């Protein structure tokens, strides 16, 4: 008997959407007073972890179009938080990186993000955390197949 996966796909999609919205709202609350949006915070977090990245790669990670990401980066560049660098080999390729002159702010953002996530995770039992890790790992594996 073949199972109809339509309901499951819709439920997973809806849960992921709700999860992303809730996480974004929670991170936004943790960012109060910094002058940054949650999306700008996600940009900083990814650049902090991965270092210099292509704009297109960052767009993919954020799940945003290149034009939307460029608009976000424009505002962050105007704030002096990031800088863009054109590839020497291919002038069409643009990299983005954190502005090292603003490293204190980057560290504060990273500290706030870690604190927010710690507050969320600390509400779960050991068993719940293990279930979450197993489920997210399984989903990641399915997406990479």
N, C-alpha and C. Protein backbone atom coordinates (compact mmCIF):
# COMPACT_ATOMS: atom_id res chain seq x y z
N UNK A 1 0.84 -1.18 0.00
CA UNK A 1 0.00 0.00 0.00
C UNK A 1 0.89 1.25 0.00
N UNK A 2 0.74 2.13 -1.00
CA UNK A 2 1.51 3.36 -1.07
C UNK A 2 0.87 4.43 -0.20
N UNK A 3 1.70 5.08 0.56
CA UNK A 3 1.21 6.14 1.43
C UNK A 3 1.14 7.44 0.65
N UNK A 4 0.12 8.23 0.87
CA UNK A 4 0.00 9.56 0.27
C UNK A 4 0.82 10.51 1.13
N UNK A 5 1.92 11.01 0.58
CA UNK A 5 2.83 11.86 1.35
C UNK A 5 2.44 13.34 1.28
N UNK A 6 1.38 13.68 0.58
CA UNK A 6 0.98 15.07 0.43
C UNK A 6 0.75 15.74 1.78
N UNK A 7 -0.01 15.07 2.65
CA UNK A 7 -0.30 15.63 3.98
C UNK A 7 1.00 15.81 4.78
N UNK A 8 1.88 14.82 4.74
CA UNK A 8 3.15 14.90 5.46
C UNK A 8 4.01 16.05 4.94
N UNK A 9 4.10 16.17 3.61
CA UNK A 9 4.90 17.25 3.02
C UNK A 9 4.36 18.61 3.45
N UNK A 10 3.04 18.76 3.42
CA UNK A 10 2.44 20.03 3.81
C UNK A 10 2.68 20.32 5.29
N UNK A 11 2.57 19.31 6.12
CA UNK A 11 2.78 19.50 7.56
C UNK A 11 4.24 19.88 7.83
N UNK A 12 5.17 19.21 7.19
CA UNK A 12 6.59 19.53 7.36
C UNK A 12 6.87 20.95 6.87
N UNK A 13 6.33 21.29 5.71
CA UNK A 13 6.52 22.64 5.18
C UNK A 13 5.96 23.70 6.11
N UNK A 14 4.77 23.47 6.63
CA UNK A 14 4.15 24.43 7.55
C UNK A 14 4.94 24.54 8.85
N UNK A 15 5.41 23.41 9.37
CA UNK A 15 6.20 23.43 10.60
C UNK A 15 7.51 24.19 10.41
N UNK A 16 8.16 23.97 9.27
CA UNK A 16 9.41 24.68 8.99
C UNK A 16 9.18 26.18 8.88
N UNK A 17 8.09 26.56 8.22
CA UNK A 17 7.75 27.98 8.08
C UNK A 17 7.49 28.60 9.46
N UNK A 18 6.69 27.93 10.28
CA UNK A 18 6.40 28.43 11.63
C UNK A 18 7.68 28.50 12.47
N UNK A 19 8.50 27.47 12.37
CA UNK A 19 9.75 27.43 13.11
C UNK A 19 10.64 28.61 12.73
N UNK A 20 10.78 28.85 11.42
CA UNK A 20 11.62 29.94 10.96
C UNK A 20 11.08 31.29 11.45
N UNK A 21 9.77 31.48 11.37
CA UNK A 21 9.16 32.74 11.82
C UNK A 21 9.36 32.94 13.32
N UNK A 22 9.18 31.88 14.09
CA UNK A 22 9.34 31.97 15.53
C UNK A 22 10.79 32.25 15.90
N UNK A 23 11.70 31.56 15.25
CA UNK A 23 13.12 31.78 15.52
C UNK A 23 13.53 33.20 15.15
N UNK A 24 13.05 33.68 14.02
CA UNK A 24 13.35 35.03 13.58
C UNK A 24 12.83 36.05 14.60
N UNK A 25 11.60 35.84 15.09
CA UNK A 25 11.02 36.75 16.08
C UNK A 25 11.82 36.72 17.38
N UNK A 26 12.23 35.52 17.78
CA UNK A 26 13.01 35.38 19.02
C UNK A 26 14.37 36.06 18.90
N UNK A 27 15.02 35.87 17.75
CA UNK A 27 16.31 36.52 17.53
C UNK A 27 16.14 38.03 17.44
N UNK A 28 15.05 38.50 16.84
CA UNK A 28 14.79 39.94 16.76
C UNK A 28 14.67 40.54 18.16
N UNK A 29 13.97 39.82 19.03
CA UNK A 29 13.83 40.30 20.40
C UNK A 29 15.19 40.39 21.08
N UNK A 30 16.04 39.41 20.83
CA UNK A 30 17.38 39.43 21.40
C UNK A 30 18.27 40.52 20.81
N UNK A 31 17.87 41.02 19.64
CA UNK A 31 18.66 42.06 18.95
C UNK A 31 18.20 43.47 19.31
N UNK A 32 17.13 43.58 20.13
CA UNK A 32 16.62 44.90 20.48
C UNK A 32 17.75 45.78 21.01
N UNK A 33 17.76 47.01 20.52
CA UNK A 33 18.77 47.96 20.97
C UNK A 33 20.04 47.96 20.15
N UNK A 34 20.18 47.00 19.23
CA UNK A 34 21.40 46.95 18.42
C UNK A 34 21.24 47.71 17.11
N UNK A 35 19.98 47.98 16.72
CA UNK A 35 19.74 48.64 15.44
C UNK A 35 19.77 47.68 14.26
N UNK A 36 19.85 46.38 14.54
CA UNK A 36 19.89 45.37 13.48
C UNK A 36 18.58 44.61 13.41
N UNK A 37 18.22 44.19 12.21
CA UNK A 37 17.08 43.30 12.03
C UNK A 37 17.55 41.87 12.24
N UNK A 38 16.60 40.96 12.38
CA UNK A 38 16.96 39.54 12.54
C UNK A 38 17.70 39.05 11.30
N UNK A 39 17.26 39.47 10.12
CA UNK A 39 17.92 39.03 8.89
C UNK A 39 19.35 39.55 8.82
N UNK A 40 19.55 40.81 9.21
CA UNK A 40 20.92 41.34 9.26
C UNK A 40 21.75 40.55 10.26
N UNK A 41 21.12 40.17 11.35
CA UNK A 41 21.81 39.34 12.34
C UNK A 41 22.20 37.99 11.78
N UNK A 42 21.31 37.40 10.95
CA UNK A 42 21.63 36.12 10.33
C UNK A 42 22.80 36.27 9.35
N UNK A 43 22.85 37.40 8.65
CA UNK A 43 23.97 37.67 7.75
C UNK A 43 25.26 37.70 8.57
N UNK A 44 25.23 38.47 9.66
CA UNK A 44 26.43 38.57 10.49
C UNK A 44 26.84 37.23 11.07
N UNK A 45 25.85 36.45 11.51
CA UNK A 45 26.16 35.14 12.08
C UNK A 45 26.82 34.22 11.07
N UNK A 46 26.29 34.20 9.86
CA UNK A 46 26.88 33.35 8.82
C UNK A 46 28.28 33.81 8.45
N UNK A 47 28.48 35.10 8.34
CA UNK A 47 29.80 35.61 8.01
C UNK A 47 30.78 35.39 9.16
N UNK A 48 30.28 35.46 10.37
CA UNK A 48 31.14 35.21 11.54
C UNK A 48 31.63 33.76 11.54
N UNK A 49 30.72 32.82 11.22
CA UNK A 49 31.08 31.41 11.23
C UNK A 49 31.91 31.00 10.02
N UNK A 50 31.54 31.50 8.85
CA UNK A 50 32.14 31.00 7.61
C UNK A 50 33.21 31.91 7.02
N UNK A 51 33.25 33.17 7.44
CA UNK A 51 34.21 34.11 6.86
C UNK A 51 33.70 34.62 5.52
N UNK A 52 34.59 35.09 4.70
CA UNK A 52 34.24 35.67 3.40
C UNK A 52 33.43 34.69 2.56
N UNK A 53 32.33 35.21 1.98
CA UNK A 53 31.44 34.39 1.17
C UNK A 53 31.02 35.15 -0.08
N UNK A 54 30.67 34.39 -1.13
CA UNK A 54 30.05 35.00 -2.29
C UNK A 54 28.65 35.45 -1.90
N UNK A 55 28.20 36.54 -2.49
CA UNK A 55 26.85 37.03 -2.22
C UNK A 55 25.83 35.96 -2.59
N UNK A 56 26.06 35.27 -3.70
CA UNK A 56 25.12 34.23 -4.13
C UNK A 56 25.07 33.08 -3.13
N UNK A 57 26.19 32.74 -2.53
CA UNK A 57 26.22 31.67 -1.52
C UNK A 57 25.45 32.10 -0.27
N UNK A 58 25.65 33.33 0.15
CA UNK A 58 24.93 33.86 1.30
C UNK A 58 23.43 33.89 1.03
N UNK A 59 23.03 34.28 -0.17
CA UNK A 59 21.61 34.29 -0.56
C UNK A 59 21.01 32.90 -0.42
N UNK A 60 21.75 31.89 -0.88
CA UNK A 60 21.27 30.51 -0.79
C UNK A 60 21.07 30.07 0.65
N UNK A 61 22.01 30.40 1.51
CA UNK A 61 21.92 30.02 2.92
C UNK A 61 20.72 30.70 3.58
N UNK A 62 20.51 31.97 3.24
CA UNK A 62 19.40 32.71 3.84
C UNK A 62 18.05 32.38 3.22
N UNK A 63 18.07 31.73 2.05
CA UNK A 63 16.83 31.42 1.35
C UNK A 63 16.20 32.66 0.74
N UNK A 64 17.03 33.61 0.35
CA UNK A 64 16.56 34.86 -0.24
C UNK A 64 17.11 35.01 -1.65
N UNK A 65 16.45 35.83 -2.45
CA UNK A 65 16.96 36.11 -3.79
C UNK A 65 18.24 36.95 -3.68
N UNK A 66 19.04 36.92 -4.74
CA UNK A 66 20.26 37.73 -4.75
C UNK A 66 19.93 39.21 -4.61
N UNK A 67 18.84 39.67 -5.24
CA UNK A 67 18.49 41.09 -5.17
C UNK A 67 18.06 41.49 -3.75
N UNK A 68 17.32 40.62 -3.08
CA UNK A 68 16.92 40.92 -1.70
C UNK A 68 18.14 40.95 -0.79
N UNK A 69 19.02 39.97 -0.97
CA UNK A 69 20.25 39.93 -0.17
C UNK A 69 21.09 41.16 -0.44
N UNK A 70 21.18 41.58 -1.68
CA UNK A 70 21.96 42.78 -2.02
C UNK A 70 21.43 44.00 -1.32
N UNK A 71 20.11 44.13 -1.24
CA UNK A 71 19.51 45.26 -0.53
C UNK A 71 19.87 45.26 0.95
N UNK A 72 19.83 44.08 1.56
CA UNK A 72 20.22 43.95 2.96
C UNK A 72 21.68 44.32 3.14
N UNK A 73 22.52 43.81 2.22
CA UNK A 73 23.96 44.11 2.29
C UNK A 73 24.24 45.58 2.07
N UNK A 74 23.46 46.24 1.19
CA UNK A 74 23.62 47.69 0.98
C UNK A 74 23.48 48.43 2.30
N UNK A 75 22.40 48.12 3.03
CA UNK A 75 22.16 48.80 4.30
C UNK A 75 23.27 48.49 5.31
N UNK A 76 23.70 47.24 5.34
CA UNK A 76 24.76 46.86 6.29
C UNK A 76 26.10 47.51 5.92
N UNK A 77 26.34 47.64 4.63
CA UNK A 77 27.57 48.31 4.18
C UNK A 77 27.54 49.78 4.56
N UNK A 78 26.37 50.42 4.39
CA UNK A 78 26.21 51.82 4.78
C UNK A 78 26.41 52.02 6.27
N UNK A 79 26.08 50.99 7.05
CA UNK A 79 26.28 51.04 8.50
C UNK A 79 27.73 50.73 8.88
N UNK A 80 28.51 50.29 7.90
CA UNK A 80 29.91 49.96 8.15
C UNK A 80 30.14 48.59 8.75
N UNK A 81 29.11 47.72 8.73
CA UNK A 81 29.23 46.40 9.36
C UNK A 81 29.90 45.38 8.47
N UNK A 82 29.71 45.51 7.17
CA UNK A 82 30.29 44.55 6.22
C UNK A 82 31.00 45.32 5.13
N UNK A 83 31.76 44.58 4.34
CA UNK A 83 32.35 45.18 3.13
C UNK A 83 32.30 44.17 2.00
N UNK A 84 32.17 44.72 0.81
CA UNK A 84 32.13 43.90 -0.40
C UNK A 84 33.48 43.97 -1.08
N UNK A 85 33.85 42.85 -1.68
CA UNK A 85 35.12 42.76 -2.38
C UNK A 85 34.88 42.06 -3.71
N UNK A 86 35.29 42.69 -4.80
CA UNK A 86 35.17 42.07 -6.13
C UNK A 86 36.30 41.07 -6.33
N UNK A 87 35.96 39.96 -6.95
CA UNK A 87 36.96 38.94 -7.26
C UNK A 87 37.95 39.50 -8.27
N UNK A 88 39.22 39.24 -8.06
CA UNK A 88 40.26 39.67 -9.01
C UNK A 88 40.18 38.85 -10.29
N UNK A 89 39.79 37.58 -10.16
CA UNK A 89 39.74 36.68 -11.31
C UNK A 89 38.51 36.92 -12.18
N UNK A 90 37.38 37.23 -11.54
CA UNK A 90 36.12 37.40 -12.26
C UNK A 90 35.37 38.56 -11.63
N UNK A 91 35.40 39.70 -12.28
CA UNK A 91 34.81 40.93 -11.73
C UNK A 91 33.30 40.83 -11.50
N UNK A 92 32.65 39.82 -12.09
CA UNK A 92 31.22 39.64 -11.86
C UNK A 92 30.94 39.05 -10.48
N UNK A 93 31.93 38.41 -9.89
CA UNK A 93 31.77 37.75 -8.59
C UNK A 93 32.08 38.75 -7.48
N UNK A 94 31.15 38.85 -6.52
CA UNK A 94 31.32 39.75 -5.38
C UNK A 94 31.31 38.92 -4.10
N UNK A 95 32.30 39.18 -3.27
CA UNK A 95 32.38 38.54 -1.96
C UNK A 95 31.94 39.56 -0.91
N UNK A 96 31.50 39.05 0.22
CA UNK A 96 31.14 39.91 1.34
C UNK A 96 31.80 39.34 2.59
N UNK A 97 32.24 40.24 3.46
CA UNK A 97 32.86 39.83 4.72
C UNK A 97 32.55 40.85 5.79
N UNK A 98 32.70 40.45 7.03
CA UNK A 98 32.50 41.37 8.14
C UNK A 98 33.61 42.42 8.11
N UNK A 99 33.28 43.63 8.47
CA UNK A 99 34.27 44.70 8.55
C UNK A 99 35.07 44.50 9.84
N UNK A 100 36.36 44.20 9.72
CA UNK A 100 37.16 43.92 10.92
C UNK A 100 37.23 45.12 11.88
N UNK A 101 37.00 46.33 11.37
CA UNK A 101 37.03 47.51 12.22
C UNK A 101 35.85 47.56 13.18
N UNK A 102 34.85 46.72 12.94
CA UNK A 102 33.66 46.70 13.79
C UNK A 102 33.57 45.38 14.56
N UNK A 103 34.71 44.76 14.83
CA UNK A 103 34.73 43.43 15.46
C UNK A 103 34.07 43.40 16.83
N UNK A 104 34.12 44.49 17.59
CA UNK A 104 33.47 44.51 18.90
C UNK A 104 31.97 44.32 18.76
N UNK A 105 31.37 44.97 17.76
CA UNK A 105 29.93 44.82 17.53
C UNK A 105 29.59 43.41 17.05
N UNK A 106 30.47 42.85 16.22
CA UNK A 106 30.25 41.49 15.74
C UNK A 106 30.26 40.52 16.92
N UNK A 107 31.20 40.70 17.81
CA UNK A 107 31.30 39.81 18.98
C UNK A 107 30.07 39.97 19.88
N UNK A 108 29.59 41.20 20.05
CA UNK A 108 28.40 41.43 20.87
C UNK A 108 27.18 40.76 20.24
N UNK A 109 27.04 40.89 18.92
CA UNK A 109 25.94 40.23 18.23
C UNK A 109 26.02 38.72 18.45
N UNK A 110 27.22 38.16 18.26
CA UNK A 110 27.41 36.71 18.41
C UNK A 110 27.06 36.28 19.84
N UNK A 111 27.47 37.06 20.82
CA UNK A 111 27.18 36.75 22.22
C UNK A 111 25.67 36.75 22.47
N UNK A 112 24.97 37.75 21.93
CA UNK A 112 23.52 37.83 22.11
C UNK A 112 22.80 36.65 21.45
N UNK A 113 23.26 36.30 20.26
CA UNK A 113 22.64 35.18 19.55
C UNK A 113 22.83 33.88 20.32
N UNK A 114 24.04 33.65 20.78
CA UNK A 114 24.33 32.45 21.57
C UNK A 114 23.48 32.43 22.85
N UNK A 115 23.35 33.57 23.49
CA UNK A 115 22.56 33.66 24.72
C UNK A 115 21.09 33.35 24.43
N UNK A 116 20.56 33.91 23.35
CA UNK A 116 19.16 33.66 22.98
C UNK A 116 18.94 32.17 22.72
N UNK A 117 19.84 31.55 21.94
CA UNK A 117 19.69 30.12 21.64
C UNK A 117 19.84 29.27 22.90
N UNK A 118 20.74 29.67 23.79
CA UNK A 118 20.92 28.94 25.04
C UNK A 118 19.65 28.99 25.89
N UNK A 119 19.00 30.17 25.92
CA UNK A 119 17.75 30.32 26.66
C UNK A 119 16.67 29.38 26.11
N UNK A 120 16.60 29.28 24.79
CA UNK A 120 15.61 28.42 24.15
C UNK A 120 15.91 26.96 24.45
N UNK A 121 17.14 26.54 24.22
CA UNK A 121 17.53 25.13 24.38
C UNK A 121 17.42 24.69 25.84
N UNK A 122 17.71 25.60 26.77
CA UNK A 122 17.70 25.21 28.18
C UNK A 122 16.30 24.83 28.68
N UNK A 123 15.28 25.19 27.91
CA UNK A 123 13.90 24.84 28.30
C UNK A 123 13.58 23.38 27.98
N UNK A 124 14.40 22.73 27.16
CA UNK A 124 14.15 21.35 26.77
C UNK A 124 14.83 20.37 27.69
N UNK A 125 14.25 19.18 27.78
CA UNK A 125 14.89 18.11 28.54
C UNK A 125 16.00 17.52 27.66
N UNK A 126 16.84 16.73 28.28
CA UNK A 126 17.90 16.06 27.53
C UNK A 126 17.32 15.20 26.41
N UNK A 127 16.24 14.50 26.72
CA UNK A 127 15.59 13.65 25.73
C UNK A 127 15.01 14.47 24.57
N UNK A 128 14.36 15.59 24.90
CA UNK A 128 13.81 16.45 23.84
C UNK A 128 14.90 16.99 22.92
N UNK A 129 16.00 17.39 23.51
CA UNK A 129 17.12 17.93 22.71
C UNK A 129 17.66 16.83 21.78
N UNK A 130 17.80 15.62 22.29
CA UNK A 130 18.27 14.50 21.46
C UNK A 130 17.31 14.24 20.29
N UNK A 131 16.00 14.31 20.57
CA UNK A 131 14.99 14.10 19.52
C UNK A 131 15.10 15.19 18.45
N UNK A 132 15.27 16.43 18.89
CA UNK A 132 15.40 17.55 17.95
C UNK A 132 16.63 17.36 17.07
N UNK A 133 17.75 17.03 17.68
CA UNK A 133 18.99 16.84 16.92
C UNK A 133 18.83 15.70 15.92
N UNK A 134 18.24 14.60 16.37
CA UNK A 134 18.04 13.45 15.47
C UNK A 134 17.11 13.83 14.31
N UNK A 135 16.01 14.52 14.61
CA UNK A 135 15.06 14.91 13.57
C UNK A 135 15.67 15.89 12.56
N UNK A 136 16.38 16.88 13.06
CA UNK A 136 16.99 17.85 12.15
C UNK A 136 18.10 17.21 11.31
N UNK A 137 18.85 16.31 11.90
CA UNK A 137 19.89 15.59 11.17
C UNK A 137 19.27 14.74 10.07
N UNK A 138 18.18 14.07 10.38
CA UNK A 138 17.48 13.26 9.38
C UNK A 138 16.97 14.13 8.25
N UNK A 139 16.35 15.26 8.58
CA UNK A 139 15.86 16.18 7.55
C UNK A 139 17.00 16.68 6.68
N UNK A 140 18.11 17.04 7.28
CA UNK A 140 19.27 17.51 6.51
C UNK A 140 19.76 16.42 5.57
N UNK A 141 19.83 15.18 6.06
CA UNK A 141 20.26 14.06 5.23
C UNK A 141 19.31 13.85 4.05
N UNK A 142 18.00 13.94 4.32
CA UNK A 142 17.02 13.79 3.23
C UNK A 142 17.17 14.88 2.18
N UNK A 143 17.41 16.09 2.64
CA UNK A 143 17.58 17.21 1.69
C UNK A 143 18.84 17.07 0.86
N UNK A 144 19.84 16.41 1.40
CA UNK A 144 21.12 16.25 0.67
C UNK A 144 21.16 15.02 -0.22
N UNK A 145 20.11 14.20 -0.20
CA UNK A 145 20.09 13.01 -1.04
C UNK A 145 19.81 13.37 -2.48
